[in-house]
Amino acid sequence: MRGQRCCVMSWRDLVYMLLVVVGIVLFLYVANYYNPVVGWAGVGMIFAGFVAEVIQKIYAFVSKRKGV
């Protein structure tokens, strides 16, 4: 068990997760108190985080399958 880490995340996964979290905060908090346009930017960030994660997983699957 020595040398193995239980929860390893790549830096890309961490960036996508933080993008979604910041988007949720912008949507829920900032849009209600400051500016609704910022809330819509938060919705866009949430969507972009999920789409980027899916594209990365598809690319990894296809490149692994082709042997590239």
PDB file of N, CA and C in Angstrom:
ATOM      1  N   MET A   1       0.822  -1.190   0.000  1.00  0.00           N
ATOM      2  CA  MET A   1       0.000   0.000   0.000  1.00  0.00           C
ATOM      3  C   MET A   1       0.867   1.255   0.000  1.00  0.00           C
ATOM      4  N   ARG A   2       2.123   1.056   0.278  1.00  0.00           N
ATOM      5  CA  ARG A   2       3.004   2.205   0.307  1.00  0.00           C
ATOM      6  C   ARG A   2       3.262   2.703  -1.111  1.00  0.00           C
ATOM      7  N   GLY A   3       3.215   3.995  -1.303  1.00  0.00           N
ATOM      8  CA  GLY A   3       3.461   4.571  -2.609  1.00  0.00           C
ATOM      9  C   GLY A   3       2.191   4.794  -3.420  1.00  0.00           C
ATOM     10  N   GLN A   4       1.064   4.294  -2.958  1.00  0.00           N
ATOM     11  CA  GLN A   4      -0.192   4.514  -3.664  1.00  0.00           C
ATOM     12  C   GLN A   4      -0.952   5.638  -2.982  1.00  0.00           C
ATOM     13  N   ARG A   5      -1.523   6.486  -3.804  1.00  0.00           N
ATOM     14  CA  ARG A   5      -2.358   7.550  -3.267  1.00  0.00           C
ATOM     15  C   ARG A   5      -3.804   7.220  -3.581  1.00  0.00           C
ATOM     16  N   CYS A   6      -4.691   7.481  -2.650  1.00  0.00           N
ATOM     17  CA  CYS A   6      -6.077   7.049  -2.833  1.00  0.00           C
ATOM     18  C   CYS A   6      -6.851   7.974  -3.767  1.00  0.00           C
ATOM     19  N   CYS A   7      -6.658   9.246  -3.680  1.00  0.00           N
ATOM     20  CA  CYS A   7      -7.484  10.190  -4.433  1.00  0.00           C
ATOM     21  C   CYS A   7      -6.602  11.049  -5.326  1.00  0.00           C
ATOM     22  N   VAL A   8      -6.298  10.553  -6.491  1.00  0.00           N
ATOM     23  CA  VAL A   8      -5.423  11.267  -7.407  1.00  0.00           C
ATOM     24  C   VAL A   8      -6.283  11.922  -8.473  1.00  0.00           C
ATOM     25  N   MET A   9      -6.127  13.238  -8.612  1.00  0.00           N
ATOM     26  CA  MET A   9      -6.852  13.987  -9.642  1.00  0.00           C
ATOM     27  C   MET A   9      -5.824  14.663 -10.534  1.00  0.00           C
ATOM     28  N   SER A  10      -6.095  14.654 -11.818  1.00  0.00           N
ATOM     29  CA  SER A  10      -5.215  15.391 -12.716  1.00  0.00           C
ATOM     30  C   SER A  10      -5.511  16.878 -12.567  1.00  0.00           C
ATOM     31  N   TRP A  11      -4.610  17.692 -13.023  1.00  0.00           N
ATOM     32  CA  TRP A  11      -4.813  19.132 -12.889  1.00  0.00           C
ATOM     33  C   TRP A  11      -5.981  19.579 -13.760  1.00  0.00           C
ATOM     34  N   ARG A  12      -6.241  18.881 -14.859  1.00  0.00           N
ATOM     35  CA  ARG A  12      -7.385  19.243 -15.706  1.00  0.00           C
ATOM     36  C   ARG A  12      -8.697  18.970 -14.987  1.00  0.00           C
ATOM     37  N   ASP A  13      -8.790  17.824 -14.324  1.00  0.00           N
ATOM     38  CA  ASP A  13     -10.005  17.512 -13.578  1.00  0.00           C
ATOM     39  C   ASP A  13     -10.242  18.541 -12.472  1.00  0.00           C
ATOM     40  N   LEU A  14      -9.179  18.948 -11.824  1.00  0.00           N
ATOM     41  CA  LEU A  14      -9.299  19.949 -10.761  1.00  0.00           C
ATOM     42  C   LEU A  14      -9.774  21.293 -11.320  1.00  0.00           C
ATOM     43  N   VAL A  15      -9.244  21.688 -12.473  1.00  0.00           N
ATOM     44  CA  VAL A  15      -9.657  22.951 -13.092  1.00  0.00           C
ATOM     45  C   VAL A  15     -11.125  22.896 -13.501  1.00  0.00           C
ATOM     46  N   TYR A  16     -11.561  21.773 -14.079  1.00  0.00           N
ATOM     47  CA  TYR A  16     -12.961  21.656 -14.481  1.00  0.00           C
ATOM     48  C   TYR A  16     -13.880  21.677 -13.267  1.00  0.00           C
ATOM     49  N   MET A  17     -13.470  21.021 -12.189  1.00  0.00           N
ATOM     50  CA  MET A  17     -14.282  21.016 -10.983  1.00  0.00           C
ATOM     51  C   MET A  17     -14.374  22.422 -10.385  1.00  0.00           C
ATOM     52  N   LEU A  18     -13.253  23.134 -10.347  1.00  0.00           N
ATOM     53  CA  LEU A  18     -13.271  24.500  -9.827  1.00  0.00           C
ATOM     54  C   LEU A  18     -14.101  25.431 -10.713  1.00  0.00           C
ATOM     55  N   LEU A  19     -14.069  25.200 -12.017  1.00  0.00           N
ATOM     56  CA  LEU A  19     -14.888  25.994 -12.931  1.00  0.00           C
ATOM     57  C   LEU A  19     -16.368  25.812 -12.629  1.00  0.00           C
ATOM     58  N   VAL A  20     -16.784  24.587 -12.372  1.00  0.00           N
ATOM     59  CA  VAL A  20     -18.180  24.317 -12.042  1.00  0.00           C
ATOM     60  C   VAL A  20     -18.539  24.929 -10.688  1.00  0.00           C
ATOM     61  N   VAL A  21     -17.659  24.814  -9.713  1.00  0.00           N
ATOM     62  CA  VAL A  21     -17.946  25.358  -8.383  1.00  0.00           C
ATOM     63  C   VAL A  21     -18.048  26.884  -8.429  1.00  0.00           C
ATOM     64  N   VAL A  22     -17.140  27.537  -9.128  1.00  0.00           N
ATOM     65  CA  VAL A  22     -17.209  29.003  -9.244  1.00  0.00           C
ATOM     66  C   VAL A  22     -18.469  29.406 -10.003  1.00  0.00           C
ATOM     67  N   GLY A  23     -18.845  28.646 -11.014  1.00  0.00           N
ATOM     68  CA  GLY A  23     -20.079  28.922 -11.741  1.00  0.00           C
ATOM     69  C   GLY A  23     -21.301  28.811 -10.856  1.00  0.00           C
ATOM     70  N   ILE A  24     -21.325  27.808  -9.988  1.00  0.00           N
ATOM     71  CA  ILE A  24     -22.457  27.651  -9.063  1.00  0.00           C
ATOM     72  C   ILE A  24     -22.519  28.816  -8.098  1.00  0.00           C
ATOM     73  N   VAL A  25     -21.373  29.233  -7.576  1.00  0.00           N
ATOM     74  CA  VAL A  25     -21.349  30.379  -6.652  1.00  0.00           C
ATOM     75  C   VAL A  25     -21.824  31.647  -7.356  1.00  0.00           C
ATOM     76  N   LEU A  26     -21.346  31.865  -8.571  1.00  0.00           N
ATOM     77  CA  LEU A  26     -21.788  33.051  -9.307  1.00  0.00           C
ATOM     78  C   LEU A  26     -23.281  33.008  -9.573  1.00  0.00           C
ATOM     79  N   PHE A  27     -23.784  31.846  -9.927  1.00  0.00           N
ATOM     80  CA  PHE A  27     -25.202  31.732 -10.230  1.00  0.00           C
ATOM     81  C   PHE A  27     -26.063  31.929  -8.982  1.00  0.00           C
ATOM     82  N   LEU A  28     -25.709  31.286  -7.893  1.00  0.00           N
ATOM     83  CA  LEU A  28     -26.566  31.313  -6.711  1.00  0.00           C
ATOM     84  C   LEU A  28     -26.415  32.576  -5.869  1.00  0.00           C
ATOM     85  N   TYR A  29     -25.221  33.071  -5.701  1.00  0.00           N
ATOM     86  CA  TYR A  29     -25.005  34.179  -4.778  1.00  0.00           C
ATOM     87  C   TYR A  29     -24.927  35.532  -5.480  1.00  0.00           C
ATOM     88  N   VAL A  30     -24.029  35.645  -6.418  1.00  0.00           N
ATOM     89  CA  VAL A  30     -23.759  36.942  -7.031  1.00  0.00           C
ATOM     90  C   VAL A  30     -24.953  37.436  -7.847  1.00  0.00           C
ATOM     91  N   ALA A  31     -25.653  36.537  -8.517  1.00  0.00           N
ATOM     92  CA  ALA A  31     -26.775  36.949  -9.351  1.00  0.00           C
ATOM     93  C   ALA A  31     -27.909  37.529  -8.519  1.00  0.00           C
ATOM     94  N   ASN A  32     -28.072  37.060  -7.304  1.00  0.00           N
ATOM     95  CA  ASN A  32     -29.156  37.560  -6.465  1.00  0.00           C
ATOM     96  C   ASN A  32     -28.833  38.906  -5.825  1.00  0.00           C
ATOM     97  N   TYR A  33     -27.573  39.205  -5.611  1.00  0.00           N
ATOM     98  CA  TYR A  33     -27.214  40.415  -4.890  1.00  0.00           C
ATOM     99  C   TYR A  33     -26.593  41.504  -5.754  1.00  0.00           C
ATOM    100  N   TYR A  34     -25.987  41.156  -6.864  1.00  0.00           N
ATOM    101  CA  TYR A  34     -25.255  42.156  -7.625  1.00  0.00           C
ATOM    102  C   TYR A  34     -25.803  42.353  -9.033  1.00  0.00           C
ATOM    103  N   ASN A  35     -25.655  41.379  -9.891  1.00  0.00           N
ATOM    104  CA  ASN A  35     -25.971  41.589 -11.299  1.00  0.00           C
ATOM    105  C   ASN A  35     -26.424  40.271 -11.916  1.00  0.00           C
ATOM    106  N   PRO A  36     -27.603  40.263 -12.545  1.00  0.00           N
ATOM    107  CA  PRO A  36     -28.071  39.009 -13.146  1.00  0.00           C
ATOM    108  C   PRO A  36     -27.217  38.532 -14.321  1.00  0.00           C
ATOM    109  N   VAL A  37     -26.504  39.440 -14.983  1.00  0.00           N
ATOM    110  CA  VAL A  37     -25.642  39.032 -16.094  1.00  0.00           C
ATOM    111  C   VAL A  37     -24.523  38.130 -15.576  1.00  0.00           C
ATOM    112  N   VAL A  38     -24.022  38.434 -14.399  1.00  0.00           N
ATOM    113  CA  VAL A  38     -22.985  37.605 -13.798  1.00  0.00           C
ATOM    114  C   VAL A  38     -23.549  36.222 -13.471  1.00  0.00           C
ATOM    115  N   GLY A  39     -24.803  36.149 -13.096  1.00  0.00           N
ATOM    116  CA  GLY A  39     -25.454  34.864 -12.853  1.00  0.00           C
ATOM    117  C   GLY A  39     -25.501  34.026 -14.112  1.00  0.00           C
ATOM    118  N   TRP A  40     -25.808  34.656 -15.241  1.00  0.00           N
ATOM    119  CA  TRP A  40     -25.821  33.917 -16.509  1.00  0.00           C
ATOM    120  C   TRP A  40     -24.414  33.496 -16.905  1.00  0.00           C
ATOM    121  N   ALA A  41     -23.425  34.297 -16.553  1.00  0.00           N
ATOM    122  CA  ALA A  41     -22.035  33.883 -16.786  1.00  0.00           C
ATOM    123  C   ALA A  41     -21.720  32.643 -15.947  1.00  0.00           C
ATOM    124  N   GLY A  42     -22.257  32.581 -14.739  1.00  0.00           N
ATOM    125  CA  GLY A  42     -22.087  31.403 -13.892  1.00  0.00           C
ATOM    126  C   GLY A  42     -22.711  30.164 -14.514  1.00  0.00           C
ATOM    127  N   VAL A  43     -23.892  30.328 -15.104  1.00  0.00           N
ATOM    128  CA  VAL A  43     -24.531  29.201 -15.788  1.00  0.00           C
ATOM    129  C   VAL A  43     -23.652  28.739 -16.952  1.00  0.00           C
ATOM    130  N   GLY A  44     -23.086  29.676 -17.679  1.00  0.00           N
ATOM    131  CA  GLY A  44     -22.192  29.331 -18.780  1.00  0.00           C
ATOM    132  C   GLY A  44     -20.948  28.609 -18.293  1.00  0.00           C
ATOM    133  N   MET A  45     -20.417  29.025 -17.144  1.00  0.00           N
ATOM    134  CA  MET A  45     -19.236  28.364 -16.591  1.00  0.00           C
ATOM    135  C   MET A  45     -19.558  26.936 -16.151  1.00  0.00           C
ATOM    136  N   ILE A  46     -20.739  26.735 -15.574  1.00  0.00           N
ATOM    137  CA  ILE A  46     -21.153  25.388 -15.180  1.00  0.00           C
ATOM    138  C   ILE A  46     -21.233  24.495 -16.414  1.00  0.00           C
ATOM    139  N   PHE A  47     -21.901  24.992 -17.435  1.00  0.00           N
ATOM    140  CA  PHE A  47     -22.053  24.237 -18.676  1.00  0.00           C
ATOM    141  C   PHE A  47     -20.696  23.958 -19.316  1.00  0.00           C
ATOM    142  N   ALA A  48     -19.821  24.963 -19.345  1.00  0.00           N
ATOM    143  CA  ALA A  48     -18.498  24.796 -19.951  1.00  0.00           C
ATOM    144  C   ALA A  48     -17.661  23.780 -19.195  1.00  0.00           C
ATOM    145  N   GLY A  49     -17.755  23.761 -17.884  1.00  0.00           N
ATOM    146  CA  GLY A  49     -17.008  22.787 -17.095  1.00  0.00           C
ATOM    147  C   GLY A  49     -17.431  21.362 -17.395  1.00  0.00           C
ATOM    148  N   PHE A  50     -18.745  21.134 -17.490  1.00  0.00           N
ATOM    149  CA  PHE A  50     -19.227  19.791 -17.795  1.00  0.00           C
ATOM    150  C   PHE A  50     -18.874  19.376 -19.220  1.00  0.00           C
ATOM    151  N   VAL A  51     -19.027  20.287 -20.165  1.00  0.00           N
ATOM    152  CA  VAL A  51     -18.723  19.968 -21.558  1.00  0.00           C
ATOM    153  C   VAL A  51     -17.231  19.680 -21.736  1.00  0.00           C
ATOM    154  N   ALA A  52     -16.379  20.465 -21.102  1.00  0.00           N
ATOM    155  CA  ALA A  52     -14.935  20.247 -21.209  1.00  0.00           C
ATOM    156  C   ALA A  52     -14.545  18.897 -20.614  1.00  0.00           C
ATOM    157  N   GLU A  53     -15.154  18.528 -19.509  1.00  0.00           N
ATOM    158  CA  GLU A  53     -14.860  17.229 -18.898  1.00  0.00           C
ATOM    159  C   GLU A  53     -15.288  16.084 -19.809  1.00  0.00           C
ATOM    160  N   VAL A  54     -16.452  16.192 -20.412  1.00  0.00           N
ATOM    161  CA  VAL A  54     -16.934  15.143 -21.314  1.00  0.00           C
ATOM    162  C   VAL A  54     -16.036  15.039 -22.545  1.00  0.00           C
ATOM    163  N   ILE A  55     -15.653  16.171 -23.107  1.00  0.00           N
ATOM    164  CA  ILE A  55     -14.772  16.154 -24.287  1.00  0.00           C
ATOM    165  C   ILE A  55     -13.432  15.518 -23.940  1.00  0.00           C
ATOM    166  N   GLN A  56     -12.898  15.829 -22.766  1.00  0.00           N
ATOM    167  CA  GLN A  56     -11.626  15.227 -22.359  1.00  0.00           C
ATOM    168  C   GLN A  56     -11.756  13.720 -22.207  1.00  0.00           C
ATOM    169  N   LYS A  57     -12.840  13.244 -21.612  1.00  0.00           N
ATOM    170  CA  LYS A  57     -13.028  11.800 -21.437  1.00  0.00           C
ATOM    171  C   LYS A  57     -13.191  11.100 -22.780  1.00  0.00           C
ATOM    172  N   ILE A  58     -13.934  11.707 -23.708  1.00  0.00           N
ATOM    173  CA  ILE A  58     -14.110  11.119 -25.036  1.00  0.00           C
ATOM    174  C   ILE A  58     -12.777  11.072 -25.775  1.00  0.00           C
ATOM    175  N   TYR A  59     -11.998  12.138 -25.704  1.00  0.00           N
ATOM    176  CA  TYR A  59     -10.694  12.172 -26.368  1.00  0.00           C
ATOM    177  C   TYR A  59      -9.757  11.108 -25.803  1.00  0.00           C
ATOM    178  N   ALA A  60      -9.758  10.953 -24.478  1.00  0.00           N
ATOM    179  CA  ALA A  60      -8.909   9.936 -23.857  1.00  0.00           C
ATOM    180  C   ALA A  60      -9.338   8.539 -24.291  1.00  0.00           C
ATOM    181  N   PHE A  61     -10.639   8.299 -24.391  1.00  0.00           N
ATOM    182  CA  PHE A  61     -11.134   6.992 -24.812  1.00  0.00           C
ATOM    183  C   PHE A  61     -10.770   6.700 -26.267  1.00  0.00           C
ATOM    184  N   VAL A  62     -10.947   7.690 -27.140  1.00  0.00           N
ATOM    185  CA  VAL A  62     -10.655   7.494 -28.554  1.00  0.00           C
ATOM    186  C   VAL A  62      -9.162   7.327 -28.791  1.00  0.00           C
ATOM    187  N   SER A  63      -8.334   8.134 -28.134  1.00  0.00           N
ATOM    188  CA  SER A  63      -6.887   8.023 -28.335  1.00  0.00           C
ATOM    189  C   SER A  63      -6.350   6.720 -27.762  1.00  0.00           C
ATOM    190  N   LYS A  64      -6.936   6.229 -26.675  1.00  0.00           N
ATOM    191  CA  LYS A  64      -6.517   4.955 -26.113  1.00  0.00           C
ATOM    192  C   LYS A  64      -6.914   3.809 -27.047  1.00  0.00           C
ATOM    193  N   ARG A  65      -8.059   3.957 -27.667  1.00  0.00           N
ATOM    194  CA  ARG A  65      -8.550   2.918 -28.573  1.00  0.00           C
ATOM    195  C   ARG A  65      -7.722   2.844 -29.857  1.00  0.00           C
ATOM    196  N   LYS A  66      -7.319   4.000 -30.379  1.00  0.00           N
ATOM    197  CA  LYS A  66      -6.512   4.045 -31.604  1.00  0.00           C
ATOM    198  C   LYS A  66      -5.060   3.667 -31.332  1.00  0.00           C
ATOM    199  N   GLY A  67      -4.626   3.823 -30.099  1.00  0.00           N
ATOM    200  CA  GLY A  67      -3.235   3.553 -29.764  1.00  0.00           C
ATOM    201  C   GLY A  67      -2.319   4.714 -30.053  1.00  0.00           C
ATOM    202  N   VAL A  68      -2.873   5.909 -30.080  1.00  0.00           N
ATOM    203  CA  VAL A  68      -2.072   7.112 -30.361  1.00  0.00           C
ATOM    204  C   VAL A  68      -1.350   7.551 -29.140  1.00  0.00           C
TER     205      VAL A  68
END
